[in-house]
Every structure is written in C-alpha cells, then in structure tokens.
Protein backbone atom coordinates (compact mmCIF):
# COMPACT_ATOMS: atom_id res chain seq x y z
CA MET A 1 -13.86 -21.84 12.17
CA THR A 2 -12.24 -19.35 14.54
CA ILE A 3 -11.66 -15.62 14.69
CA ALA A 4 -8.82 -14.03 16.65
CA ILE A 5 -7.90 -10.34 16.43
CA ASP A 6 -4.64 -9.05 17.94
CA VAL A 7 -4.22 -5.29 18.32
CA HIS A 8 -0.71 -3.83 18.33
CA LEU A 9 -1.29 -0.12 17.79
CA PRO A 10 0.97 2.26 19.75
CA ALA A 11 -0.57 3.68 22.90
CA ASP A 12 0.07 7.20 21.68
CA GLN A 13 -0.57 7.36 17.93
CA ALA A 14 -0.71 11.17 18.09
CA ALA A 15 2.93 11.31 19.21
CA ALA A 16 3.98 9.16 16.24
CA MET A 17 2.15 11.46 13.85
CA GLU A 18 3.70 14.55 15.45
CA ARG A 19 7.17 13.05 15.06
CA ASP A 20 6.59 12.04 11.42
CA VAL A 21 5.21 15.44 10.43
CA ARG A 22 7.91 17.41 12.26
CA GLU A 23 10.65 15.36 10.60
CA GLY A 24 9.02 15.57 7.17
CA LEU A 25 8.56 19.33 7.24
CA ALA A 26 12.22 19.77 8.21
CA ARG A 27 13.43 17.98 5.07
CA THR A 28 14.46 19.55 1.79
CA PRO A 29 12.17 19.28 -0.06
CA LYS A 30 9.45 19.18 2.57
CA GLU A 31 7.61 15.88 2.70
CA LEU A 32 4.55 14.26 4.30
CA SER A 33 3.99 10.53 4.74
CA PRO A 34 1.24 9.12 2.49
CA LYS A 35 -0.07 7.11 5.46
CA TYR A 36 -1.85 10.29 6.59
CA PHE A 37 -4.01 10.41 3.46
CA TYR A 38 -6.33 7.79 4.83
CA ASP A 39 -8.73 9.31 7.31
CA GLU A 40 -12.41 8.55 6.62
CA ARG A 41 -12.67 11.21 3.92
CA GLY A 42 -9.37 10.23 2.35
CA SER A 43 -10.42 6.58 2.20
CA GLN A 44 -13.69 7.57 0.51
CA LEU A 45 -11.81 9.67 -2.04
CA PHE A 46 -9.36 6.88 -2.78
CA GLU A 47 -12.24 4.49 -3.42
CA ALA A 48 -13.60 7.06 -5.86
CA ILE A 49 -10.19 7.26 -7.54
CA THR A 50 -10.15 3.50 -8.13
CA GLU A 51 -13.39 3.86 -10.11
CA LEU A 52 -12.00 6.53 -12.45
CA GLU A 53 -11.41 5.55 -16.06
CA GLU A 54 -7.95 7.14 -15.89
CA TYR A 55 -6.87 5.11 -12.86
CA TYR A 56 -6.18 1.65 -14.26
CA PRO A 57 -4.00 -0.08 -11.56
CA THR A 58 -6.83 -1.37 -9.38
CA ARG A 59 -8.75 -2.78 -12.36
CA ARG A 60 -5.67 -4.42 -13.86
CA GLU A 61 -4.62 -6.02 -10.58
CA ARG A 62 -8.12 -7.36 -10.05
CA GLN A 63 -8.16 -8.68 -13.63
CA ILE A 64 -4.97 -10.65 -13.01
CA LEU A 65 -6.36 -12.09 -9.78
CA VAL A 66 -9.63 -13.09 -11.46
CA GLU A 67 -8.11 -14.56 -14.60
CA ARG A 68 -4.94 -16.08 -13.18
CA GLY A 69 -5.68 -16.67 -9.51
CA ALA A 70 -5.59 -20.45 -9.88
CA GLU A 71 -2.22 -20.24 -11.67
CA ILE A 72 -0.82 -18.01 -8.95
CA VAL A 73 -1.93 -20.32 -6.16
CA ALA A 74 -0.53 -23.37 -7.95
CA ALA A 75 2.78 -21.61 -8.60
CA ALA A 76 2.94 -20.70 -4.90
CA GLY A 77 2.73 -24.38 -3.97
CA ASN A 78 -0.97 -24.39 -3.05
CA PRO A 79 -0.59 -22.49 0.23
CA ALA A 80 -2.76 -23.16 3.27
CA THR A 81 -2.34 -19.70 4.81
CA LEU A 82 -2.79 -16.31 3.16
CA ILE A 83 -1.30 -13.29 4.97
CA GLU A 84 -2.30 -9.96 3.48
CA LEU A 85 -0.49 -6.72 4.32
CA GLY A 86 -2.84 -3.73 4.16
CA SER A 87 -5.87 -5.99 3.80
CA GLY A 88 -8.73 -3.47 4.14
CA SER A 89 -11.98 -5.19 3.18
CA ALA A 90 -10.15 -7.99 1.33
CA SER A 91 -12.18 -7.30 -1.80
CA LYS A 92 -9.46 -8.34 -4.25
CA THR A 93 -8.07 -11.02 -1.99
CA ARG A 94 -11.25 -13.07 -2.22
CA HIS A 95 -10.10 -14.20 -5.66
CA LEU A 96 -7.02 -15.77 -4.05
CA LEU A 97 -9.11 -17.26 -1.26
CA ASP A 98 -11.43 -18.73 -3.89
CA ALA A 99 -8.50 -20.31 -5.71
CA MET A 100 -7.06 -21.73 -2.47
CA ARG A 101 -10.48 -23.11 -1.53
CA ASP A 102 -10.91 -24.66 -4.96
CA ALA A 103 -7.48 -26.27 -4.61
CA GLY A 104 -8.61 -27.73 -1.29
CA THR A 105 -5.79 -26.16 0.72
CA LEU A 106 -7.32 -23.05 2.32
CA ARG A 107 -7.04 -23.09 6.10
CA THR A 108 -6.13 -19.65 7.48
CA TYR A 109 -6.38 -16.01 6.45
CA VAL A 110 -4.35 -13.35 8.27
CA PRO A 111 -5.53 -9.79 7.47
CA VAL A 112 -3.03 -7.16 8.59
CA ASP A 113 -4.44 -3.63 8.67
CA ILE A 114 -4.34 -0.46 10.78
CA SER A 115 -8.15 -0.27 11.08
CA GLU A 116 -9.54 -2.47 13.85
CA GLU A 117 -13.13 -1.83 12.72
CA ILE A 118 -12.51 -2.94 9.14
CA THR A 119 -10.44 -5.94 10.25
CA ARG A 120 -13.20 -7.20 12.55
CA GLU A 121 -15.89 -6.64 9.90
CA THR A 122 -13.80 -8.43 7.27
CA ALA A 123 -13.08 -11.38 9.56
CA ALA A 124 -16.77 -11.82 10.41
CA ALA A 125 -17.75 -11.72 6.74
CA LEU A 126 -15.07 -14.16 5.59
CA VAL A 127 -15.82 -16.92 8.08
CA GLU A 128 -19.38 -16.87 6.77
CA GLU A 129 -18.27 -16.93 3.14
CA TYR A 130 -15.62 -19.64 3.61
CA PRO A 131 -16.87 -22.40 5.97
CA GLY A 132 -14.09 -23.79 8.12
CA LEU A 133 -11.79 -20.80 7.58
CA ASP A 134 -9.74 -19.58 10.54
CA VAL A 135 -9.07 -15.82 10.57
CA HIS A 136 -6.26 -14.40 12.67
CA GLY A 137 -6.36 -10.63 12.21
CA LEU A 138 -3.54 -8.27 13.16
CA VAL A 139 -4.39 -4.61 13.77
CA CYS A 140 -1.12 -2.73 13.43
CA ASP A 141 1.08 -0.54 11.26
CA PHE A 142 2.55 -3.37 9.21
CA GLU A 143 5.68 -1.37 8.40
CA ALA A 144 6.45 -1.11 12.11
CA HIS A 145 5.09 -4.47 13.25
CA LEU A 146 5.76 -6.76 10.29
CA GLU A 147 7.50 -9.34 12.45
CA ARG A 148 4.29 -9.93 14.45
CA THR A 149 2.81 -11.89 11.54
CA PRO A 150 2.65 -15.69 12.05
CA THR A 151 6.02 -17.25 11.33
CA THR A 152 5.01 -20.86 10.79
CA SER A 153 2.02 -22.85 9.59
CA GLU A 154 1.64 -26.55 10.39
CA ALA A 155 -1.13 -26.79 7.78
CA GLY A 156 1.15 -26.06 4.82
CA PRO A 157 2.95 -23.29 2.93
CA ARG A 158 2.11 -19.61 3.43
CA LEU A 159 1.58 -16.84 0.90
CA ILE A 160 2.19 -13.23 1.93
CA ALA A 161 0.30 -10.83 -0.35
CA PHE A 162 1.31 -7.17 -0.63
CA LEU A 163 -1.02 -5.79 -3.28
CA GLY A 164 -2.08 -2.42 -4.67
CA GLY A 165 1.36 -1.31 -5.81
CA THR A 166 2.04 0.00 -2.28
CA ILE A 167 5.67 -1.17 -2.50
CA GLY A 168 6.13 1.67 -5.01
CA ASN A 169 5.54 4.26 -2.28
CA LEU A 170 8.84 3.32 -0.65
CA TYR A 171 12.19 4.79 -1.62
CA PRO A 172 14.71 2.24 -2.97
CA ASP A 173 16.57 1.81 0.33
CA GLU A 174 13.29 1.53 2.25
CA ARG A 175 11.99 -0.96 -0.31
CA ALA A 176 15.08 -3.14 -0.02
CA ALA A 177 14.90 -3.11 3.78
CA PHE A 178 11.20 -3.99 3.78
CA LEU A 179 11.64 -6.84 1.30
CA GLY A 180 14.51 -8.10 3.43
CA ARG A 181 12.24 -8.16 6.47
CA ILE A 182 9.63 -10.13 4.52
CA ALA A 183 12.33 -12.56 3.42
CA GLY A 184 13.14 -13.11 7.09
CA LEU A 185 9.59 -14.31 7.71
CA LEU A 186 9.49 -16.88 4.92
CA ASP A 187 10.15 -20.59 5.26
CA PRO A 188 11.63 -22.36 2.21
CA ASP A 189 8.19 -23.30 0.81
CA ASP A 190 6.57 -19.87 1.42
CA HIS A 191 6.11 -17.11 -1.18
CA LEU A 192 5.51 -13.39 -1.46
CA LEU A 193 2.95 -12.10 -3.99
CA LEU A 194 3.80 -8.50 -4.83
CA GLY A 195 1.70 -6.03 -6.84
CA THR A 196 3.59 -3.51 -9.00
CA ASP A 197 2.55 -0.97 -11.60
CA LEU A 198 4.65 -1.03 -14.78
CA VAL A 199 6.44 1.67 -16.76
CA LYS A 200 4.36 2.87 -19.71
CA ASP A 201 3.44 5.99 -21.72
CA VAL A 202 4.19 9.06 -19.58
CA ALA A 203 0.98 10.88 -20.47
CA ARG A 204 -1.08 7.90 -19.40
CA LEU A 205 0.86 7.53 -16.17
CA GLU A 206 0.41 11.18 -15.24
CA LEU A 207 -3.27 11.17 -16.12
CA ALA A 208 -3.82 8.32 -13.67
CA TYR A 209 -2.59 10.61 -10.88
CA ASP A 210 -4.06 13.90 -12.10
CA ASP A 211 -7.55 13.18 -13.43
CA PRO A 212 -9.58 15.90 -15.20
CA ALA A 213 -12.39 15.65 -12.62
CA GLY A 214 -9.97 16.64 -9.85
CA VAL A 215 -10.68 13.68 -7.57
CA THR A 216 -6.97 12.91 -7.14
CA ALA A 217 -6.26 16.57 -6.40
CA GLU A 218 -8.92 16.58 -3.69
CA PHE A 219 -7.48 13.37 -2.25
CA ASN A 220 -4.00 14.90 -2.16
CA LYS A 221 -5.16 18.13 -0.52
CA ASN A 222 -7.13 16.18 2.07
CA VAL A 223 -3.86 15.44 3.88
CA LEU A 224 -3.76 19.14 4.78
CA SER A 225 -7.22 18.82 6.31
CA VAL A 226 -5.90 15.92 8.38
CA LEU A 227 -3.02 18.07 9.67
CA ASN A 228 -5.36 20.94 10.42
CA ARG A 229 -7.65 18.69 12.44
CA GLU A 230 -5.10 16.50 14.20
CA LEU A 231 -2.26 18.98 14.75
CA GLY A 232 -4.07 22.30 14.99
CA GLY A 233 -2.79 23.46 11.62
CA ASP A 234 -4.00 26.44 9.62
CA PHE A 235 -3.24 25.21 6.09
CA ASP A 236 -5.38 26.98 3.49
CA LEU A 237 -6.20 24.21 1.02
CA ASP A 238 -6.92 26.76 -1.71
CA ALA A 239 -3.37 28.10 -1.35
CA PHE A 240 -1.91 24.87 -2.74
CA SER A 241 -2.27 23.09 -6.08
CA HIS A 242 -1.94 19.39 -6.84
CA VAL A 243 1.16 18.26 -8.76
CA ALA A 244 1.81 14.82 -10.28
CA ARG A 245 4.74 14.39 -12.66
CA PHE A 246 6.71 11.39 -13.91
CA ASP A 247 10.37 11.49 -12.90
CA ALA A 248 12.06 9.57 -15.71
CA ARG A 249 15.37 9.22 -13.88
CA HIS A 250 13.82 7.47 -10.89
CA GLU A 251 10.89 6.01 -12.86
CA TRP A 252 8.34 7.18 -10.33
CA ILE A 253 5.37 9.51 -10.22
CA ASP A 254 6.29 12.41 -7.94
CA ILE A 255 3.17 13.73 -6.21
CA GLY A 256 3.05 16.91 -4.18
CA LEU A 257 1.37 20.17 -3.27
CA ARG A 258 2.67 23.42 -4.73
CA ALA A 259 2.37 26.64 -2.74
CA LEU A 260 0.59 29.23 -4.91
CA ALA A 261 2.08 32.12 -2.92
CA ALA A 262 4.66 32.68 -0.20
CA GLN A 263 3.01 31.84 3.11
CA GLU A 264 3.49 30.66 6.67
CA VAL A 265 1.59 27.81 8.26
CA HIS A 266 1.39 27.18 11.98
CA LEU A 267 0.86 23.80 13.65
CA ASP A 268 -0.22 24.31 17.26
CA ALA A 269 0.45 20.74 18.42
CA LEU A 270 4.05 21.03 17.24
CA ASP A 271 4.52 24.67 18.27
CA LEU A 272 5.90 25.02 14.76
CA THR A 273 5.68 27.65 12.05
CA VAL A 274 6.62 26.54 8.53
CA HIS A 275 7.45 28.93 5.69
CA PHE A 276 6.64 28.11 2.07
CA GLU A 277 8.08 29.99 -0.87
CA GLU A 278 5.86 30.69 -3.85
CA GLY A 279 6.06 27.68 -6.16
CA GLU A 280 7.62 25.43 -3.51
CA VAL A 281 6.45 21.82 -3.77
CA MET A 282 5.92 19.67 -0.70
CA ARG A 283 6.09 15.98 -1.63
CA THR A 284 3.21 13.83 -0.41
CA GLU A 285 3.91 10.55 -2.21
CA ILE A 286 6.02 8.74 -4.76
CA SER A 287 4.66 5.87 -6.84
CA THR A 288 7.45 3.88 -8.44
CA LYS A 289 6.83 2.09 -11.73
CA PHE A 290 8.70 -1.09 -12.57
CA THR A 291 9.94 -3.25 -15.39
CA ARG A 292 10.59 -6.94 -14.86
CA PRO A 293 14.39 -6.46 -14.82
CA ARG A 294 14.07 -3.59 -12.34
CA LEU A 295 11.93 -5.68 -10.02
CA GLU A 296 14.35 -8.59 -10.24
CA GLU A 297 17.07 -6.11 -9.32
CA SER A 298 14.95 -4.89 -6.39
CA TYR A 299 14.71 -8.45 -5.06
CA ALA A 300 18.46 -9.04 -5.42
CA GLY A 301 20.29 -8.82 -2.14
CA THR A 302 17.13 -8.91 -0.02
CA GLY A 303 17.02 -12.67 0.49
CA LEU A 304 14.30 -13.03 -2.19
CA LYS A 305 14.33 -14.06 -5.84
CA MET A 306 11.60 -13.89 -8.44
CA ALA A 307 9.83 -17.20 -8.99
CA ASP A 308 7.03 -16.22 -11.38
CA TRP A 309 5.49 -13.23 -13.15
CA PHE A 310 1.83 -12.55 -14.03
CA THR A 311 0.52 -9.61 -16.03
CA ASP A 312 -2.72 -8.50 -17.63
CA PRO A 313 -2.93 -8.88 -21.44
CA GLY A 314 -1.89 -5.25 -22.01
CA GLU A 315 1.04 -5.57 -19.57
CA ASP A 316 -0.04 -2.52 -17.60
CA TYR A 317 0.45 -4.17 -14.23
CA ALA A 318 2.21 -7.18 -12.74
CA LEU A 319 1.92 -9.58 -9.84
CA SER A 320 5.20 -11.31 -9.12
CA LEU A 321 5.84 -14.31 -6.95
CA ALA A 322 9.07 -14.31 -4.99
CA LYS A 323 10.58 -17.01 -2.79
CA PRO A 324 13.55 -17.24 -0.43
CA ALA A 325 16.80 -16.98 -2.36
C-alpha cells in the first residue's frame, strides 16, 4: 500500500484564466470555458444538480457501473490499473474498483484531478477501503497534461476511465484530438471506458439542463460570479438569463447566458470592456449527445475502435469500451 501525489499545476493559473477568458470573449458568439464553473460554490451546485429528478445522466451512469461493472472489467481484460480522468471523490469509480478487486487483479488506482485537496483525501480513503492498493494521484489539468499519466504497468493491463459525459463538452475537432492523445497512451491490451449521454426526446433533454427549480440556471450564472471575483468583473447576474436548447443539427445541448438588455461589462484584470447587445447569448457549455453509430464514427481515425457497449435498460446513457485500432 503506497500513496504518491504528483502536482503539475501551472505556476500562474491566473494568467491561464485571463488568456482563456480574453480569447473566449473575443469570439463570435462570445464563449466561456465550462472549466470555470467549478469553484467551491459551482461544485456544490453541480452536486445538487445530480440529485435532481430531471437530471438523469449521473444516476444512469452509476446504474450501469453497479449492474454491469463486473462485465465491463472482464471485457477490458481484467485490468490491474485504473486511471480516472477528472476523478473527484471517485464515488462512481468505486464500483469499478470493487469489480477489479473481486476479479483479483486490482493493483493501482491513478486519480487525475485539478483539486489537490480532493485528490489527497480520496487517496487516503481508498487505501483504507482497498487493502494493498497503490494510489498514484496526479493533480493537473488533464486536458493539458494528459501525457503525464503512467504509460506502462508491469502488473497487467490498464483501464483509462473518462466518465460523466465530459467528452460531450468538447467540439468535434477537440474530441477527435483528445481521443487521439488517449490512443497514444494505450498499449495493445489497454482500454478506454468512456461515458456518453445518448440522443433522446428533446423535451427531456432540455429539462435536464433547465430544471423548474432553477438550480441549473444558478449553476450557469455562477460562472459570472467567478469572473467578477477572479478578474475584477462587474457582471450583473440578474442582467442575464439561463438558456439551454437542443441543437438538432449538431445533436448537442447549447447552454448559455442571454443578455436581458444592452450593457457593457468591465474586467479590471484584463483591462477589457465587453459590450453585449440585448438578447445576445454568450455560450458557456455544449453537451453533445450520441448514438452508437455516431460514437463509432467519433473513434474512427483517432487510433481507437469500439470494443464493447453497455447501457442502462432504458438506453438513456452508455459506457463504451474502446481499444487501440
């Protein structure tokens, strides 16, 4: 049983945020990265969202892991190492760890997350729960530092898990590039386990991202509070409304903030004044929905191919296994 935590955060995270926000606000339409949703308040709100009746993805993904975890692990060749991108508290991942333990192959868990505090807490908890487990945590922005994940395992095959439907937040070209980078990490016996939400009734999709209680709207607007605090902004949260609509052409939920009146916002840290027209929508996130053929198409050309497919009984959500092509 060992714990090792490597920290690879940039020395100046503020500069990275300033660059991202400046570039996003210069686009047409204006856009903010969803990574800035998750300050302490944003993380609390997202946890509340996952408990909403309307928001099914978290429940469905967990259901698949609970009911089919042993199948997934067997189909992945009974891996010895589990690498999880965006691990957080590893609440869902424990079902995979359980299945690997029960198969007698579990050796190493590699949580990859941007929060050092959560990564250390998770590592300490897991070595108590799984005697003999080695935890090698990586504190980093996994999009920027993906290649820092362990590249080989003498103990046996590895499984990289990217859960939560986060792959759907990337545009198609970004998604292909990211999957290609994952493919570059995999040995012939390794696999990727990818969580994806599936195309379904439009009303149900939109309701999942625009709940009647307004929790999702508060979560979305919280990104403006982050900019106000971190960049000296003067966004008036009440001057924007939450928007979440299904774009049938791209098959994604388009999430944004609509300016309720013409206004100017100043960001002191950027020495920047931004004008919004009345009704102008600033995009804050996309959430792509998939079908099996579309996901197979997404893997094509990235160095990966689909090896297996697991859904809940209602086929709301899917976990797919991919392996080197």
